[in-house]
């Protein structure tokens, strides 16, 4: 008997299956056959969804941990100035060395 290779499911797929399980319109066995996932896995996804559901609706949710656009624009400006300065300085060095 050969083992099935390990599969990685997308978060959207997990949420879809967990919501179907929460609805209760089909049994876990029916869902597992329909989505070809073990019933224990569906139970685990359902549990995770129910535990993390309050976080979705919390108002004190922090902003994404990604960089702030204003900071990125400032960094781009700084790097552009450095590039201009260095290209001008390199041009002067090349001009001097070409004259010799």
N, C-alpha and C. Protein backbone atom coordinates (compact mmCIF):
# COMPACT_ATOMS: atom_id res chain seq x y z
N UNK A 1 0.84 -1.17 0.00
CA UNK A 1 0.00 0.00 0.00
C UNK A 1 0.88 1.23 0.00
N UNK A 2 0.69 2.12 -0.96
CA UNK A 2 1.53 3.31 -1.06
C UNK A 2 0.87 4.48 -0.34
N UNK A 3 1.73 5.33 0.21
CA UNK A 3 1.24 6.51 0.91
C UNK A 3 0.95 7.62 -0.09
N UNK A 4 -0.03 8.43 0.23
CA UNK A 4 -0.33 9.60 -0.58
C UNK A 4 0.70 10.66 -0.24
N UNK A 5 1.21 11.40 -1.23
CA UNK A 5 2.18 12.45 -0.91
C UNK A 5 1.53 13.57 -0.10
N UNK A 6 2.33 14.20 0.71
CA UNK A 6 1.83 15.27 1.57
C UNK A 6 1.36 16.44 0.71
N UNK A 7 0.18 16.96 1.04
CA UNK A 7 -0.38 18.07 0.30
C UNK A 7 -0.44 19.31 1.19
N UNK A 8 -0.21 20.44 0.59
CA UNK A 8 -0.34 21.72 1.28
C UNK A 8 -1.56 22.42 0.72
N UNK A 9 -2.52 22.69 1.58
CA UNK A 9 -3.76 23.32 1.14
C UNK A 9 -3.68 24.82 1.37
N UNK A 10 -4.28 25.56 0.46
CA UNK A 10 -4.31 27.01 0.55
C UNK A 10 -5.25 27.42 1.69
N UNK A 11 -4.97 28.55 2.30
CA UNK A 11 -5.85 29.03 3.38
C UNK A 11 -7.30 29.20 2.94
N UNK A 12 -7.53 29.61 1.70
CA UNK A 12 -8.90 29.77 1.24
C UNK A 12 -9.62 28.44 1.17
N UNK A 13 -8.90 27.40 0.77
CA UNK A 13 -9.49 26.06 0.72
C UNK A 13 -9.85 25.60 2.13
N UNK A 14 -8.95 25.80 3.07
CA UNK A 14 -9.19 25.40 4.45
C UNK A 14 -10.41 26.12 5.01
N UNK A 15 -10.50 27.43 4.75
CA UNK A 15 -11.63 28.20 5.25
C UNK A 15 -12.94 27.70 4.63
N UNK A 16 -12.91 27.39 3.36
CA UNK A 16 -14.11 26.91 2.66
C UNK A 16 -14.59 25.60 3.28
N UNK A 17 -13.67 24.68 3.49
CA UNK A 17 -14.03 23.37 4.07
C UNK A 17 -14.51 23.55 5.50
N UNK A 18 -13.83 24.39 6.28
CA UNK A 18 -14.22 24.61 7.68
C UNK A 18 -15.61 25.24 7.76
N UNK A 19 -15.92 26.18 6.87
CA UNK A 19 -17.25 26.78 6.87
C UNK A 19 -18.33 25.77 6.51
N UNK A 20 -18.01 24.90 5.57
CA UNK A 20 -18.96 23.84 5.22
C UNK A 20 -19.21 22.94 6.43
N UNK A 21 -18.17 22.65 7.20
CA UNK A 21 -18.32 21.81 8.39
C UNK A 21 -19.15 22.52 9.46
N UNK A 22 -18.95 23.83 9.60
CA UNK A 22 -19.71 24.58 10.59
C UNK A 22 -21.18 24.64 10.22
N UNK A 23 -21.46 24.77 8.93
CA UNK A 23 -22.87 24.81 8.49
C UNK A 23 -23.62 23.56 8.91
N UNK A 24 -22.96 22.42 8.85
CA UNK A 24 -23.56 21.17 9.29
C UNK A 24 -24.54 20.56 8.30
N UNK A 25 -24.53 21.03 7.06
CA UNK A 25 -25.44 20.48 6.06
C UNK A 25 -25.02 19.08 5.62
N UNK A 26 -23.73 18.78 5.76
CA UNK A 26 -23.20 17.47 5.42
C UNK A 26 -22.38 16.96 6.59
N UNK A 27 -22.25 15.65 6.67
CA UNK A 27 -21.45 15.06 7.74
C UNK A 27 -19.96 15.23 7.41
N UNK A 28 -19.13 14.98 8.42
CA UNK A 28 -17.69 15.07 8.20
C UNK A 28 -17.22 14.05 7.17
N UNK A 29 -17.83 12.87 7.19
CA UNK A 29 -17.45 11.83 6.23
C UNK A 29 -17.79 12.27 4.81
N UNK A 30 -18.95 12.87 4.64
CA UNK A 30 -19.34 13.35 3.32
C UNK A 30 -18.41 14.47 2.84
N UNK A 31 -18.07 15.37 3.75
CA UNK A 31 -17.15 16.44 3.39
C UNK A 31 -15.76 15.92 3.06
N UNK A 32 -15.32 14.93 3.83
CA UNK A 32 -13.99 14.38 3.59
C UNK A 32 -13.93 13.68 2.23
N UNK A 33 -15.01 13.02 1.84
CA UNK A 33 -15.05 12.40 0.52
C UNK A 33 -15.13 13.45 -0.58
N UNK A 34 -15.91 14.47 -0.33
CA UNK A 34 -16.10 15.52 -1.33
C UNK A 34 -14.81 16.28 -1.60
N UNK A 35 -14.08 16.64 -0.53
CA UNK A 35 -12.86 17.43 -0.67
C UNK A 35 -11.58 16.60 -0.60
N UNK A 36 -11.72 15.30 -0.42
CA UNK A 36 -10.58 14.36 -0.34
C UNK A 36 -9.59 14.78 0.75
N UNK A 37 -10.15 15.03 1.93
CA UNK A 37 -9.37 15.39 3.10
C UNK A 37 -9.83 14.52 4.25
N UNK A 38 -8.93 14.15 5.13
CA UNK A 38 -9.26 13.29 6.27
C UNK A 38 -10.22 14.03 7.22
N UNK A 39 -11.20 13.33 7.79
CA UNK A 39 -12.15 13.98 8.70
C UNK A 39 -11.48 14.68 9.89
N UNK A 40 -10.40 14.09 10.40
CA UNK A 40 -9.69 14.73 11.51
C UNK A 40 -9.13 16.09 11.10
N UNK A 41 -8.69 16.20 9.86
CA UNK A 41 -8.15 17.46 9.36
C UNK A 41 -9.25 18.51 9.28
N UNK A 42 -10.43 18.10 8.83
CA UNK A 42 -11.56 19.03 8.76
C UNK A 42 -11.93 19.51 10.15
N UNK A 43 -11.93 18.59 11.11
CA UNK A 43 -12.23 18.96 12.49
C UNK A 43 -11.22 19.97 13.02
N UNK A 44 -9.95 19.77 12.70
CA UNK A 44 -8.90 20.70 13.16
C UNK A 44 -9.07 22.07 12.52
N UNK A 45 -9.37 22.13 11.23
CA UNK A 45 -9.59 23.41 10.56
C UNK A 45 -10.80 24.13 11.12
N UNK A 46 -11.85 23.37 11.42
CA UNK A 46 -13.07 23.95 12.00
C UNK A 46 -12.75 24.56 13.37
N UNK A 47 -11.97 23.83 14.17
CA UNK A 47 -11.58 24.30 15.49
C UNK A 47 -10.76 25.59 15.38
N UNK A 48 -9.80 25.63 14.46
CA UNK A 48 -8.97 26.81 14.27
C UNK A 48 -9.81 28.01 13.83
N UNK A 49 -10.77 27.77 12.94
CA UNK A 49 -11.62 28.86 12.47
C UNK A 49 -12.45 29.43 13.61
N UNK A 50 -13.03 28.57 14.42
CA UNK A 50 -13.85 29.04 15.53
C UNK A 50 -13.02 29.77 16.58
N UNK A 51 -11.79 29.33 16.81
CA UNK A 51 -10.94 29.99 17.80
C UNK A 51 -10.47 31.36 17.33
N UNK A 52 -10.22 31.51 16.03
CA UNK A 52 -9.66 32.75 15.52
C UNK A 52 -10.71 33.70 14.95
N UNK A 53 -11.97 33.33 14.96
CA UNK A 53 -13.03 34.18 14.41
C UNK A 53 -13.14 35.53 15.12
N UNK A 54 -13.03 35.61 16.45
CA UNK A 54 -13.15 36.92 17.11
C UNK A 54 -12.08 37.92 16.65
N UNK A 55 -10.92 37.45 16.25
CA UNK A 55 -9.85 38.35 15.82
C UNK A 55 -10.23 39.09 14.54
N UNK A 56 -11.05 38.49 13.73
CA UNK A 56 -11.45 39.11 12.47
C UNK A 56 -12.26 40.37 12.74
N UNK A 57 -13.10 40.33 13.76
CA UNK A 57 -14.01 41.42 14.04
C UNK A 57 -13.52 42.38 15.11
N UNK A 58 -12.34 42.17 15.63
CA UNK A 58 -11.86 43.05 16.69
C UNK A 58 -11.52 44.42 16.12
N UNK A 59 -11.88 45.46 16.85
CA UNK A 59 -11.65 46.83 16.40
C UNK A 59 -10.24 47.30 16.72
N UNK A 60 -9.63 46.73 17.72
CA UNK A 60 -8.29 47.14 18.11
C UNK A 60 -7.22 46.40 17.31
N UNK A 61 -7.63 45.93 16.17
CA UNK A 61 -6.70 45.19 15.31
C UNK A 61 -5.59 46.13 14.84
N UNK A 62 -4.37 45.69 14.98
CA UNK A 62 -3.23 46.50 14.57
C UNK A 62 -3.15 46.52 13.05
N UNK A 63 -2.54 47.57 12.54
CA UNK A 63 -2.33 47.70 11.10
C UNK A 63 -1.38 46.59 10.65
N UNK A 64 -1.41 46.34 9.38
CA UNK A 64 -0.51 45.32 8.83
C UNK A 64 0.91 45.64 9.25
N UNK A 65 1.69 44.62 9.50
CA UNK A 65 3.05 44.82 9.98
C UNK A 65 4.00 45.20 8.86
N UNK A 66 3.48 45.44 7.67
CA UNK A 66 4.30 45.84 6.54
C UNK A 66 4.79 47.27 6.68
N UNK A 67 5.68 47.67 5.81
CA UNK A 67 6.24 49.01 5.89
C UNK A 67 5.19 50.08 5.53
N UNK A 68 5.39 51.27 6.06
CA UNK A 68 4.49 52.39 5.81
C UNK A 68 4.90 53.04 4.49
N UNK A 69 3.93 53.40 3.67
CA UNK A 69 4.19 53.96 2.35
C UNK A 69 5.01 55.25 2.46
N UNK A 70 4.70 56.07 3.45
CA UNK A 70 5.43 57.34 3.63
C UNK A 70 6.92 57.07 3.87
N UNK A 71 7.22 56.08 4.69
CA UNK A 71 8.62 55.73 4.96
C UNK A 71 9.31 55.21 3.71
N UNK A 72 8.58 54.44 2.91
CA UNK A 72 9.17 53.92 1.68
C UNK A 72 9.47 55.04 0.68
N UNK A 73 8.57 56.02 0.58
CA UNK A 73 8.82 57.15 -0.32
C UNK A 73 10.04 57.94 0.14
N UNK A 74 10.19 58.11 1.45
CA UNK A 74 11.36 58.82 1.98
C UNK A 74 12.64 58.06 1.66
N UNK A 75 12.59 56.76 1.78
CA UNK A 75 13.78 55.94 1.49
C UNK A 75 14.13 56.01 0.00
N UNK A 76 13.10 55.99 -0.86
CA UNK A 76 13.34 56.11 -2.30
C UNK A 76 14.01 57.44 -2.62
N UNK A 77 13.52 58.52 -2.01
CA UNK A 77 14.12 59.83 -2.22
C UNK A 77 15.57 59.87 -1.77
N UNK A 78 15.84 59.28 -0.63
CA UNK A 78 17.20 59.25 -0.11
C UNK A 78 18.11 58.47 -1.05
N UNK A 79 17.66 57.32 -1.51
CA UNK A 79 18.48 56.51 -2.41
C UNK A 79 18.69 57.20 -3.76
N UNK A 80 17.68 57.92 -4.23
CA UNK A 80 17.82 58.65 -5.49
C UNK A 80 18.88 59.73 -5.36
N UNK A 81 18.86 60.46 -4.23
CA UNK A 81 19.87 61.49 -3.99
C UNK A 81 21.26 60.88 -3.91
N UNK A 82 21.40 59.75 -3.23
CA UNK A 82 22.70 59.10 -3.12
C UNK A 82 23.20 58.65 -4.49
N UNK A 83 22.30 58.12 -5.30
CA UNK A 83 22.69 57.68 -6.64
C UNK A 83 23.15 58.87 -7.48
N UNK A 84 22.42 59.99 -7.42
CA UNK A 84 22.82 61.18 -8.17
C UNK A 84 24.19 61.68 -7.71
N UNK A 85 24.37 61.73 -6.40
CA UNK A 85 25.65 62.20 -5.86
C UNK A 85 26.79 61.30 -6.30
N UNK A 86 26.59 60.01 -6.18
CA UNK A 86 27.67 59.09 -6.54
C UNK A 86 27.94 59.09 -8.04
N UNK A 87 26.89 59.22 -8.86
CA UNK A 87 27.13 59.26 -10.30
C UNK A 87 27.88 60.53 -10.69
N UNK A 88 27.55 61.67 -10.03
CA UNK A 88 28.29 62.90 -10.29
C UNK A 88 29.73 62.77 -9.83
N UNK A 89 29.95 62.20 -8.67
CA UNK A 89 31.30 62.03 -8.15
C UNK A 89 32.10 61.09 -9.05
N UNK A 90 31.49 60.04 -9.52
CA UNK A 90 32.17 59.10 -10.40
C UNK A 90 32.49 59.76 -11.74
N UNK A 91 31.60 60.62 -12.19
CA UNK A 91 31.86 61.36 -13.43
C UNK A 91 33.06 62.27 -13.30
N UNK A 92 33.19 62.91 -12.16
CA UNK A 92 34.34 63.79 -11.93
C UNK A 92 35.64 62.99 -11.86
N UNK A 93 35.58 61.83 -11.20
CA UNK A 93 36.78 60.98 -11.09
C UNK A 93 37.19 60.47 -12.47
N UNK A 94 36.21 60.01 -13.24
CA UNK A 94 36.51 59.52 -14.59
C UNK A 94 37.03 60.65 -15.47
N UNK A 95 36.50 61.87 -15.29
CA UNK A 95 36.95 63.03 -16.09
C UNK A 95 38.39 63.36 -15.77
N UNK A 96 38.76 63.30 -14.52
CA UNK A 96 40.14 63.61 -14.13
C UNK A 96 41.10 62.55 -14.63
N UNK A 97 40.70 61.30 -14.53
CA UNK A 97 41.60 60.23 -14.95
C UNK A 97 41.72 60.19 -16.47
N UNK A 98 40.70 60.65 -17.17
CA UNK A 98 40.75 60.66 -18.64
C UNK A 98 41.67 61.76 -19.14
N UNK A 99 41.81 62.87 -18.38
CA UNK A 99 42.64 63.98 -18.80
C UNK A 99 44.11 63.66 -18.65
N UNK A 100 44.48 62.78 -17.76
CA UNK A 100 45.89 62.48 -17.49
C UNK A 100 46.52 61.71 -18.60
